[in-house]
Each structure stands twice: as structure tokens, then as C-alpha cells.
Amino acid sequence: MREMMSETAGATCTPVTAGDGASLEGVKLSIELRGVLESLEASIEELNAALRQAVEAGATVELRRRGRVHSGDGCWADQMAPLVLPKARR
């Protein structure tokens, strides 16, 4: 599995491996942040299931960065938008 977060230039992030429920054990996170990250992981799992369904239905889907949000204190996240291409007819 790929790491969802890793070290970035100028900041160290907590590595979180997708699908590894124990990956946050031992990491000091607030209850709120832990809950938000668990919700994010569930949303990503749902997105991945929807992507598989789209591919099986005949679409090609590429996720592209739509924008970036900043907290003002060094935290940021990429926002995504799908580029969907229907299966070419032969």
C-alpha cells in the first residue's frame, strides 16, 4: 500500500498507510483529528470502490488536483476533481 502522507520539504508529516488501521497507533493526535482522519480514510475507501465501479462500467477516471486548501499554520490538503473519459467505441 502507498503512504497517504510522508515527509515534505520543510515539514515532517505522519506517515499513514492506506488500509493499515494500526498505522496511527503511538502517534499523538487529538481526538478530533483522529476522528477526522478515520472519516477521511473511510471516504477514500468509498471513493476507491466508486472508481472500481466506474472502470468496470467502461470509464477511464483520472483524479487531478483542483486546488489546495491551507490552514494558515503550515497544514494543507489537495482538493481533487475527476477527469472522466468514456470508453472509446471501436
PDB file of N, CA and C in Angstrom:
ATOM      1  N   MET A   1       0.840  -1.192   0.000  1.00  0.00           N
ATOM      2  CA  MET A   1       0.000   0.000   0.000  1.00  0.00           C
ATOM      3  C   MET A   1       0.879   1.248   0.000  1.00  0.00           C
ATOM      4  N   ARG A   2       0.352   2.316  -0.555  1.00  0.00           N
ATOM      5  CA  ARG A   2       1.092   3.577  -0.595  1.00  0.00           C
ATOM      6  C   ARG A   2       0.855   4.359   0.679  1.00  0.00           C
ATOM      7  N   GLU A   3       1.837   5.183   1.033  1.00  0.00           N
ATOM      8  CA  GLU A   3       1.645   6.075   2.157  1.00  0.00           C
ATOM      9  C   GLU A   3       0.802   7.248   1.722  1.00  0.00           C
ATOM     10  N   MET A   4      -0.165   7.623   2.561  1.00  0.00           N
ATOM     11  CA  MET A   4      -1.020   8.760   2.236  1.00  0.00           C
ATOM     12  C   MET A   4      -0.312  10.069   2.542  1.00  0.00           C
ATOM     13  N   MET A   5       0.578  10.068   3.506  1.00  0.00           N
ATOM     14  CA  MET A   5       1.320  11.266   3.883  1.00  0.00           C
ATOM     15  C   MET A   5       2.769  10.835   4.126  1.00  0.00           C
ATOM     16  N   SER A   6       3.697  11.707   3.849  1.00  0.00           N
ATOM     17  CA  SER A   6       5.096  11.411   4.122  1.00  0.00           C
ATOM     18  C   SER A   6       5.823  12.712   4.392  1.00  0.00           C
ATOM     19  N   GLU A   7       7.139  12.630   4.515  1.00  0.00           N
ATOM     20  CA  GLU A   7       7.897  13.846   4.753  1.00  0.00           C
ATOM     21  C   GLU A   7       7.799  14.752   3.540  1.00  0.00           C
ATOM     22  N   THR A   8       7.659  16.037   3.801  1.00  0.00           N
ATOM     23  CA  THR A   8       7.638  17.020   2.733  1.00  0.00           C
ATOM     24  C   THR A   8       8.741  18.028   3.007  1.00  0.00           C
ATOM     25  N   ALA A   9       9.074  18.785   2.013  1.00  0.00           N
ATOM     26  CA  ALA A   9      10.113  19.795   2.171  1.00  0.00           C
ATOM     27  C   ALA A   9       9.716  20.767   3.273  1.00  0.00           C
ATOM     28  N   GLY A  10      10.530  20.875   4.277  1.00  0.00           N
ATOM     29  CA  GLY A  10      10.297  21.848   5.342  1.00  0.00           C
ATOM     30  C   GLY A  10       9.382  21.378   6.456  1.00  0.00           C
ATOM     31  N   ALA A  11       8.780  20.204   6.344  1.00  0.00           N
ATOM     32  CA  ALA A  11       7.888  19.734   7.396  1.00  0.00           C
ATOM     33  C   ALA A  11       7.890  18.219   7.425  1.00  0.00           C
ATOM     34  N   THR A  12       7.696  17.670   8.608  1.00  0.00           N
ATOM     35  CA  THR A  12       7.588  16.227   8.739  1.00  0.00           C
ATOM     36  C   THR A  12       6.145  15.891   9.031  1.00  0.00           C
ATOM     37  N   CYS A  13       5.559  15.050   8.210  1.00  0.00           N
ATOM     38  CA  CYS A  13       4.185  14.614   8.385  1.00  0.00           C
ATOM     39  C   CYS A  13       4.186  13.194   8.917  1.00  0.00           C
ATOM     40  N   THR A  14       3.069  12.782   9.434  1.00  0.00           N
ATOM     41  CA  THR A  14       2.924  11.429   9.944  1.00  0.00           C
ATOM     42  C   THR A  14       2.594  10.487   8.802  1.00  0.00           C
ATOM     43  N   PRO A  15       3.431   9.452   8.565  1.00  0.00           N
ATOM     44  CA  PRO A  15       3.089   8.519   7.508  1.00  0.00           C
ATOM     45  C   PRO A  15       1.865   7.705   7.895  1.00  0.00           C
ATOM     46  N   VAL A  16       0.903   7.628   7.001  1.00  0.00           N
ATOM     47  CA  VAL A  16      -0.323   6.864   7.226  1.00  0.00           C
ATOM     48  C   VAL A  16      -0.502   5.968   6.018  1.00  0.00           C
ATOM     49  N   THR A  17      -0.380   4.679   6.225  1.00  0.00           N
ATOM     50  CA  THR A  17      -0.505   3.737   5.128  1.00  0.00           C
ATOM     51  C   THR A  17      -1.965   3.365   4.951  1.00  0.00           C
ATOM     52  N   ALA A  18      -2.485   3.557   3.759  1.00  0.00           N
ATOM     53  CA  ALA A  18      -3.882   3.245   3.476  1.00  0.00           C
ATOM     54  C   ALA A  18      -4.142   1.779   3.761  1.00  0.00           C
ATOM     55  N   GLY A  19      -5.240   1.500   4.437  1.00  0.00           N
ATOM     56  CA  GLY A  19      -5.627   0.136   4.737  1.00  0.00           C
ATOM     57  C   GLY A  19      -4.983  -0.437   5.975  1.00  0.00           C
ATOM     58  N   ASP A  20      -4.112   0.311   6.627  1.00  0.00           N
ATOM     59  CA  ASP A  20      -3.437  -0.168   7.831  1.00  0.00           C
ATOM     60  C   ASP A  20      -4.032   0.535   9.035  1.00  0.00           C
ATOM     61  N   GLY A  21      -5.010  -0.090   9.679  1.00  0.00           N
ATOM     62  CA  GLY A  21      -5.697   0.518  10.807  1.00  0.00           C
ATOM     63  C   GLY A  21      -4.803   0.838  11.977  1.00  0.00           C
ATOM     64  N   ALA A  22      -3.684   0.128  12.109  1.00  0.00           N
ATOM     65  CA  ALA A  22      -2.792   0.356  13.243  1.00  0.00           C
ATOM     66  C   ALA A  22      -1.768   1.439  12.967  1.00  0.00           C
ATOM     67  N   SER A  23      -1.812   2.062  11.790  1.00  0.00           N
ATOM     68  CA  SER A  23      -0.763   2.998  11.396  1.00  0.00           C
ATOM     69  C   SER A  23      -0.714   4.255  12.254  1.00  0.00           C
ATOM     70  N   LEU A  24      -1.803   4.597  12.954  1.00  0.00           N
ATOM     71  CA  LEU A  24      -1.809   5.783  13.798  1.00  0.00           C
ATOM     72  C   LEU A  24      -1.524   5.466  15.266  1.00  0.00           C
ATOM     73  N   GLU A  25      -1.355   4.181  15.595  1.00  0.00           N
ATOM     74  CA  GLU A  25      -1.074   3.827  16.980  1.00  0.00           C
ATOM     75  C   GLU A  25       0.260   4.413  17.401  1.00  0.00           C
ATOM     76  N   GLY A  26       0.304   4.967  18.599  1.00  0.00           N
ATOM     77  CA  GLY A  26       1.522   5.552  19.126  1.00  0.00           C
ATOM     78  C   GLY A  26       1.761   6.979  18.680  1.00  0.00           C
ATOM     79  N   VAL A  27       0.953   7.485  17.764  1.00  0.00           N
ATOM     80  CA  VAL A  27       1.076   8.858  17.288  1.00  0.00           C
ATOM     81  C   VAL A  27       0.141   9.721  18.127  1.00  0.00           C
ATOM     82  N   LYS A  28       0.663  10.819  18.654  1.00  0.00           N
ATOM     83  CA  LYS A  28      -0.158  11.696  19.483  1.00  0.00           C
ATOM     84  C   LYS A  28      -0.999  12.609  18.602  1.00  0.00           C
ATOM     85  N   LEU A  29      -2.280  12.301  18.532  1.00  0.00           N
ATOM     86  CA  LEU A  29      -3.236  13.102  17.788  1.00  0.00           C
ATOM     87  C   LEU A  29      -4.388  13.455  18.707  1.00  0.00           C
ATOM     88  N   SER A  30      -4.970  14.614  18.487  1.00  0.00           N
ATOM     89  CA  SER A  30      -6.152  14.972  19.266  1.00  0.00           C
ATOM     90  C   SER A  30      -7.280  14.020  18.885  1.00  0.00           C
ATOM     91  N   ILE A  31      -8.245  13.879  19.764  1.00  0.00           N
ATOM     92  CA  ILE A  31      -9.404  13.031  19.488  1.00  0.00           C
ATOM     93  C   ILE A  31     -10.110  13.521  18.233  1.00  0.00           C
ATOM     94  N   GLU A  32     -10.221  14.845  18.095  1.00  0.00           N
ATOM     95  CA  GLU A  32     -10.876  15.421  16.915  1.00  0.00           C
ATOM     96  C   GLU A  32     -10.128  15.067  15.637  1.00  0.00           C
ATOM     97  N   LEU A  33      -8.796  15.239  15.641  1.00  0.00           N
ATOM     98  CA  LEU A  33      -8.009  14.955  14.445  1.00  0.00           C
ATOM     99  C   LEU A  33      -8.056  13.468  14.115  1.00  0.00           C
ATOM    100  N   ARG A  34      -7.964  12.616  15.104  1.00  0.00           N
ATOM    101  CA  ARG A  34      -8.035  11.174  14.866  1.00  0.00           C
ATOM    102  C   ARG A  34      -9.374  10.809  14.217  1.00  0.00           C
ATOM    103  N   GLY A  35     -10.465  11.396  14.708  1.00  0.00           N
ATOM    104  CA  GLY A  35     -11.786  11.138  14.140  1.00  0.00           C
ATOM    105  C   GLY A  35     -11.891  11.618  12.703  1.00  0.00           C
ATOM    106  N   VAL A  36     -11.347  12.793  12.447  1.00  0.00           N
ATOM    107  CA  VAL A  36     -11.381  13.343  11.085  1.00  0.00           C
ATOM    108  C   VAL A  36     -10.573  12.461  10.137  1.00  0.00           C
ATOM    109  N   LEU A  37      -9.407  11.992  10.576  1.00  0.00           N
ATOM    110  CA  LEU A  37      -8.586  11.139   9.719  1.00  0.00           C
ATOM    111  C   LEU A  37      -9.245   9.788   9.471  1.00  0.00           C
ATOM    112  N   GLU A  38      -9.925   9.248  10.475  1.00  0.00           N
ATOM    113  CA  GLU A  38     -10.650   7.991  10.277  1.00  0.00           C
ATOM    114  C   GLU A  38     -11.798   8.183   9.286  1.00  0.00           C
ATOM    115  N   SER A  39     -12.485   9.326   9.376  1.00  0.00           N
ATOM    116  CA  SER A  39     -13.556   9.639   8.432  1.00  0.00           C
ATOM    117  C   SER A  39     -12.995   9.806   7.021  1.00  0.00           C
ATOM    118  N   LEU A  40     -11.851  10.463   6.910  1.00  0.00           N
ATOM    119  CA  LEU A  40     -11.191  10.641   5.620  1.00  0.00           C
ATOM    120  C   LEU A  40     -10.820   9.291   5.019  1.00  0.00           C
ATOM    121  N   GLU A  41     -10.280   8.400   5.836  1.00  0.00           N
ATOM    122  CA  GLU A  41      -9.909   7.077   5.344  1.00  0.00           C
ATOM    123  C   GLU A  41     -11.144   6.332   4.826  1.00  0.00           C
ATOM    124  N   ALA A  42     -12.250   6.417   5.549  1.00  0.00           N
ATOM    125  CA  ALA A  42     -13.490   5.761   5.102  1.00  0.00           C
ATOM    126  C   ALA A  42     -13.976   6.364   3.781  1.00  0.00           C
ATOM    127  N   SER A  43     -13.882   7.689   3.661  1.00  0.00           N
ATOM    128  CA  SER A  43     -14.298   8.347   2.415  1.00  0.00           C
ATOM    129  C   SER A  43     -13.424   7.923   1.248  1.00  0.00           C
ATOM    130  N   ILE A  44     -12.131   7.765   1.485  1.00  0.00           N
ATOM    131  CA  ILE A  44     -11.222   7.328   0.425  1.00  0.00           C
ATOM    132  C   ILE A  44     -11.542   5.897   0.013  1.00  0.00           C
ATOM    133  N   GLU A  45     -11.876   5.048   0.980  1.00  0.00           N
ATOM    134  CA  GLU A  45     -12.267   3.673   0.646  1.00  0.00           C
ATOM    135  C   GLU A  45     -13.525   3.671  -0.214  1.00  0.00           C
ATOM    136  N   GLU A  46     -14.493   4.528   0.107  1.00  0.00           N
ATOM    137  CA  GLU A  46     -15.711   4.642  -0.700  1.00  0.00           C
ATOM    138  C   GLU A  46     -15.387   5.171  -2.099  1.00  0.00           C
ATOM    139  N   LEU A  47     -14.509   6.158  -2.183  1.00  0.00           N
ATOM    140  CA  LEU A  47     -14.092   6.695  -3.474  1.00  0.00           C
ATOM    141  C   LEU A  47     -13.434   5.611  -4.316  1.00  0.00           C
ATOM    142  N   ASN A  48     -12.554   4.830  -3.705  1.00  0.00           N
ATOM    143  CA  ASN A  48     -11.883   3.756  -4.442  1.00  0.00           C
ATOM    144  C   ASN A  48     -12.881   2.732  -4.961  1.00  0.00           C
ATOM    145  N   ALA A  49     -13.899   2.408  -4.168  1.00  0.00           N
ATOM    146  CA  ALA A  49     -14.940   1.475  -4.617  1.00  0.00           C
ATOM    147  C   ALA A  49     -15.706   2.068  -5.802  1.00  0.00           C
ATOM    148  N   ALA A  50     -16.023   3.359  -5.731  1.00  0.00           N
ATOM    149  CA  ALA A  50     -16.734   4.022  -6.827  1.00  0.00           C
ATOM    150  C   ALA A  50     -15.862   4.074  -8.085  1.00  0.00           C
ATOM    151  N   LEU A  51     -14.568   4.275  -7.922  1.00  0.00           N
ATOM    152  CA  LEU A  51     -13.655   4.283  -9.066  1.00  0.00           C
ATOM    153  C   LEU A  51     -13.623   2.910  -9.737  1.00  0.00           C
ATOM    154  N   ARG A  52     -13.571   1.844  -8.933  1.00  0.00           N
ATOM    155  CA  ARG A  52     -13.603   0.494  -9.499  1.00  0.00           C
ATOM    156  C   ARG A  52     -14.894   0.263 -10.287  1.00  0.00           C
ATOM    157  N   GLN A  53     -16.018   0.723  -9.731  1.00  0.00           N
ATOM    158  CA  GLN A  53     -17.306   0.566 -10.413  1.00  0.00           C
ATOM    159  C   GLN A  53     -17.323   1.333 -11.730  1.00  0.00           C
ATOM    160  N   ALA A  54     -16.771   2.536 -11.733  1.00  0.00           N
ATOM    161  CA  ALA A  54     -16.734   3.338 -12.963  1.00  0.00           C
ATOM    162  C   ALA A  54     -15.890   2.654 -14.030  1.00  0.00           C
ATOM    163  N   VAL A  55     -14.758   2.093 -13.640  1.00  0.00           N
ATOM    164  CA  VAL A  55     -13.891   1.397 -14.590  1.00  0.00           C
ATOM    165  C   VAL A  55     -14.600   0.163 -15.135  1.00  0.00           C
ATOM    166  N   GLU A  56     -15.251  -0.582 -14.256  1.00  0.00           N
ATOM    167  CA  GLU A  56     -15.972  -1.778 -14.697  1.00  0.00           C
ATOM    168  C   GLU A  56     -17.132  -1.421 -15.625  1.00  0.00           C
ATOM    169  N   ALA A  57     -17.690  -0.216 -15.474  1.00  0.00           N
ATOM    170  CA  ALA A  57     -18.795   0.234 -16.330  1.00  0.00           C
ATOM    171  C   ALA A  57     -18.291   0.810 -17.652  1.00  0.00           C
ATOM    172  N   GLY A  58     -16.968   0.952 -17.799  1.00  0.00           N
ATOM    173  CA  GLY A  58     -16.422   1.394 -19.077  1.00  0.00           C
ATOM    174  C   GLY A  58     -15.826   2.783 -19.117  1.00  0.00           C
ATOM    175  N   ALA A  59     -15.566   3.388 -17.967  1.00  0.00           N
ATOM    176  CA  ALA A  59     -14.983   4.731 -17.957  1.00  0.00           C
ATOM    177  C   ALA A  59     -13.515   4.681 -17.542  1.00  0.00           C
ATOM    178  N   THR A  60     -12.771   5.659 -17.997  1.00  0.00           N
ATOM    179  CA  THR A  60     -11.421   5.896 -17.509  1.00  0.00           C
ATOM    180  C   THR A  60     -11.511   7.136 -16.629  1.00  0.00           C
ATOM    181  N   VAL A  61     -10.977   7.050 -15.423  1.00  0.00           N
ATOM    182  CA  VAL A  61     -11.089   8.160 -14.471  1.00  0.00           C
ATOM    183  C   VAL A  61      -9.696   8.527 -13.981  1.00  0.00           C
ATOM    184  N   GLU A  62      -9.381   9.790 -14.109  1.00  0.00           N
ATOM    185  CA  GLU A  62      -8.124  10.316 -13.595  1.00  0.00           C
ATOM    186  C   GLU A  62      -8.461  11.383 -12.566  1.00  0.00           C
ATOM    187  N   LEU A  63      -7.857  11.295 -11.380  1.00  0.00           N
ATOM    188  CA  LEU A  63      -8.058  12.326 -10.366  1.00  0.00           C
ATOM    189  C   LEU A  63      -6.972  13.385 -10.541  1.00  0.00           C
ATOM    190  N   ARG A  64      -7.411  14.615 -10.631  1.00  0.00           N
ATOM    191  CA  ARG A  64      -6.480  15.733 -10.782  1.00  0.00           C
ATOM    192  C   ARG A  64      -6.672  16.718  -9.640  1.00  0.00           C
ATOM    193  N   ARG A  65      -5.591  17.395  -9.309  1.00  0.00           N
ATOM    194  CA  ARG A  65      -5.700  18.401  -8.252  1.00  0.00           C
ATOM    195  C   ARG A  65      -6.503  19.583  -8.764  1.00  0.00           C
ATOM    196  N   ARG A  66      -7.583  19.903  -8.051  1.00  0.00           N
ATOM    197  CA  ARG A  66      -8.442  21.032  -8.401  1.00  0.00           C
ATOM    198  C   ARG A  66      -7.969  22.292  -7.699  1.00  0.00           C
ATOM    199  N   GLY A  67      -7.452  22.104  -6.508  1.00  0.00           N
ATOM    200  CA  GLY A  67      -6.989  23.239  -5.732  1.00  0.00           C
ATOM    201  C   GLY A  67      -6.324  22.750  -4.466  1.00  0.00           C
ATOM    202  N   ARG A  68      -5.871  23.682  -3.678  1.00  0.00           N
ATOM    203  CA  ARG A  68      -5.218  23.343  -2.420  1.00  0.00           C
ATOM    204  C   ARG A  68      -5.787  24.244  -1.339  1.00  0.00           C
ATOM    205  N   VAL A  69      -6.090  23.651  -0.192  1.00  0.00           N
ATOM    206  CA  VAL A  69      -6.564  24.428   0.949  1.00  0.00           C
ATOM    207  C   VAL A  69      -5.451  24.502   1.985  1.00  0.00           C
ATOM    208  N   HIS A  70      -5.354  25.649   2.643  1.00  0.00           N
ATOM    209  CA  HIS A  70      -4.330  25.889   3.661  1.00  0.00           C
ATOM    210  C   HIS A  70      -4.998  26.284   4.965  1.00  0.00           C
ATOM    211  N   SER A  71      -4.403  25.859   6.075  1.00  0.00           N
ATOM    212  CA  SER A  71      -4.938  26.205   7.389  1.00  0.00           C
ATOM    213  C   SER A  71      -4.358  27.517   7.914  1.00  0.00           C
ATOM    214  N   GLY A  72      -3.276  27.968   7.317  1.00  0.00           N
ATOM    215  CA  GLY A  72      -2.631  29.182   7.789  1.00  0.00           C
ATOM    216  C   GLY A  72      -1.507  28.911   8.774  1.00  0.00           C
ATOM    217  N   ASP A  73      -1.393  27.657   9.247  1.00  0.00           N
ATOM    218  CA  ASP A  73      -0.325  27.330  10.189  1.00  0.00           C
ATOM    219  C   ASP A  73       0.569  26.205   9.671  1.00  0.00           C
ATOM    220  N   GLY A  74       0.625  26.051   8.348  1.00  0.00           N
ATOM    221  CA  GLY A  74       1.514  25.070   7.747  1.00  0.00           C
ATOM    222  C   GLY A  74       0.839  23.796   7.277  1.00  0.00           C
ATOM    223  N   CYS A  75      -0.409  23.588   7.610  1.00  0.00           N
ATOM    224  CA  CYS A  75      -1.121  22.390   7.150  1.00  0.00           C
ATOM    225  C   CYS A  75      -1.830  22.704   5.841  1.00  0.00           C
ATOM    226  N   TRP A  76      -1.877  21.711   4.963  1.00  0.00           N
ATOM    227  CA  TRP A  76      -2.540  21.906   3.679  1.00  0.00           C
ATOM    228  C   TRP A  76      -3.089  20.579   3.182  1.00  0.00           C
ATOM    229  N   ALA A  77      -3.968  20.647   2.210  1.00  0.00           N
ATOM    230  CA  ALA A  77      -4.523  19.459   1.576  1.00  0.00           C
ATOM    231  C   ALA A  77      -4.861  19.785   0.134  1.00  0.00           C
ATOM    232  N   ASP A  78      -4.692  18.784  -0.731  1.00  0.00           N
ATOM    233  CA  ASP A  78      -5.093  18.919  -2.123  1.00  0.00           C
ATOM    234  C   ASP A  78      -6.561  18.559  -2.260  1.00  0.00           C
ATOM    235  N   GLN A  79      -7.295  19.344  -3.035  1.00  0.00           N
ATOM    236  CA  GLN A  79      -8.668  19.012  -3.383  1.00  0.00           C
ATOM    237  C   GLN A  79      -8.627  18.402  -4.775  1.00  0.00           C
ATOM    238  N   MET A  80      -9.452  17.388  -4.993  1.00  0.00           N
ATOM    239  CA  MET A  80      -9.401  16.630  -6.228  1.00  0.00           C
ATOM    240  C   MET A  80     -10.663  16.820  -7.071  1.00  0.00           C
ATOM    241  N   ALA A  81     -10.503  16.641  -8.363  1.00  0.00           N
ATOM    242  CA  ALA A  81     -11.624  16.658  -9.301  1.00  0.00           C
ATOM    243  C   ALA A  81     -11.384  15.538 -10.310  1.00  0.00           C
ATOM    244  N   PRO A  82     -12.428  14.806 -10.683  1.00  0.00           N
ATOM    245  CA  PRO A  82     -12.228  13.715 -11.639  1.00  0.00           C
ATOM    246  C   PRO A  82     -12.250  14.200 -13.084  1.00  0.00           C
ATOM    247  N   LEU A  83     -11.403  13.614 -13.884  1.00  0.00           N
ATOM    248  CA  LEU A  83     -11.456  13.751 -15.339  1.00  0.00           C
ATOM    249  C   LEU A  83     -11.949  12.394 -15.815  1.00  0.00           C
ATOM    250  N   VAL A  84     -13.135  12.351 -16.406  1.00  0.00           N
ATOM    251  CA  VAL A  84     -13.760  11.091 -16.798  1.00  0.00           C
ATOM    252  C   VAL A  84     -13.811  11.004 -18.318  1.00  0.00           C
ATOM    253  N   LEU A  85     -13.297   9.914 -18.841  1.00  0.00           N
ATOM    254  CA  LEU A  85     -13.308   9.658 -20.274  1.00  0.00           C
ATOM    255  C   LEU A  85     -14.088   8.382 -20.527  1.00  0.00           C
ATOM    256  N   PRO A  86     -15.117   8.455 -21.366  1.00  0.00           N
ATOM    257  CA  PRO A  86     -15.868   7.224 -21.671  1.00  0.00           C
ATOM    258  C   PRO A  86     -15.017   6.288 -22.529  1.00  0.00           C
ATOM    259  N   LYS A  87     -15.373   5.027 -22.502  1.00  0.00           N
ATOM    260  CA  LYS A  87     -14.671   4.029 -23.299  1.00  0.00           C
ATOM    261  C   LYS A  87     -14.861   4.350 -24.785  1.00  0.00           C
ATOM    262  N   ALA A  88     -13.753   4.368 -25.489  1.00  0.00           N
ATOM    263  CA  ALA A  88     -13.803   4.653 -26.929  1.00  0.00           C
ATOM    264  C   ALA A  88     -14.487   3.504 -27.654  1.00  0.00           C
ATOM    265  N   ARG A  89     -15.364   3.835 -28.572  1.00  0.00           N
ATOM    266  CA  ARG A  89     -16.039   2.802 -29.367  1.00  0.00           C
ATOM    267  C   ARG A  89     -15.117   2.347 -30.484  1.00  0.00           C
ATOM    268  N   ARG A  90     -15.126   1.055 -30.743  1.00  0.00           N
ATOM    269  CA  ARG A  90     -14.245   0.502 -31.785  1.00  0.00           C
ATOM    270  C   ARG A  90     -15.037   0.033 -32.950  1.00  0.00           C
TER     271      ARG A  90
END
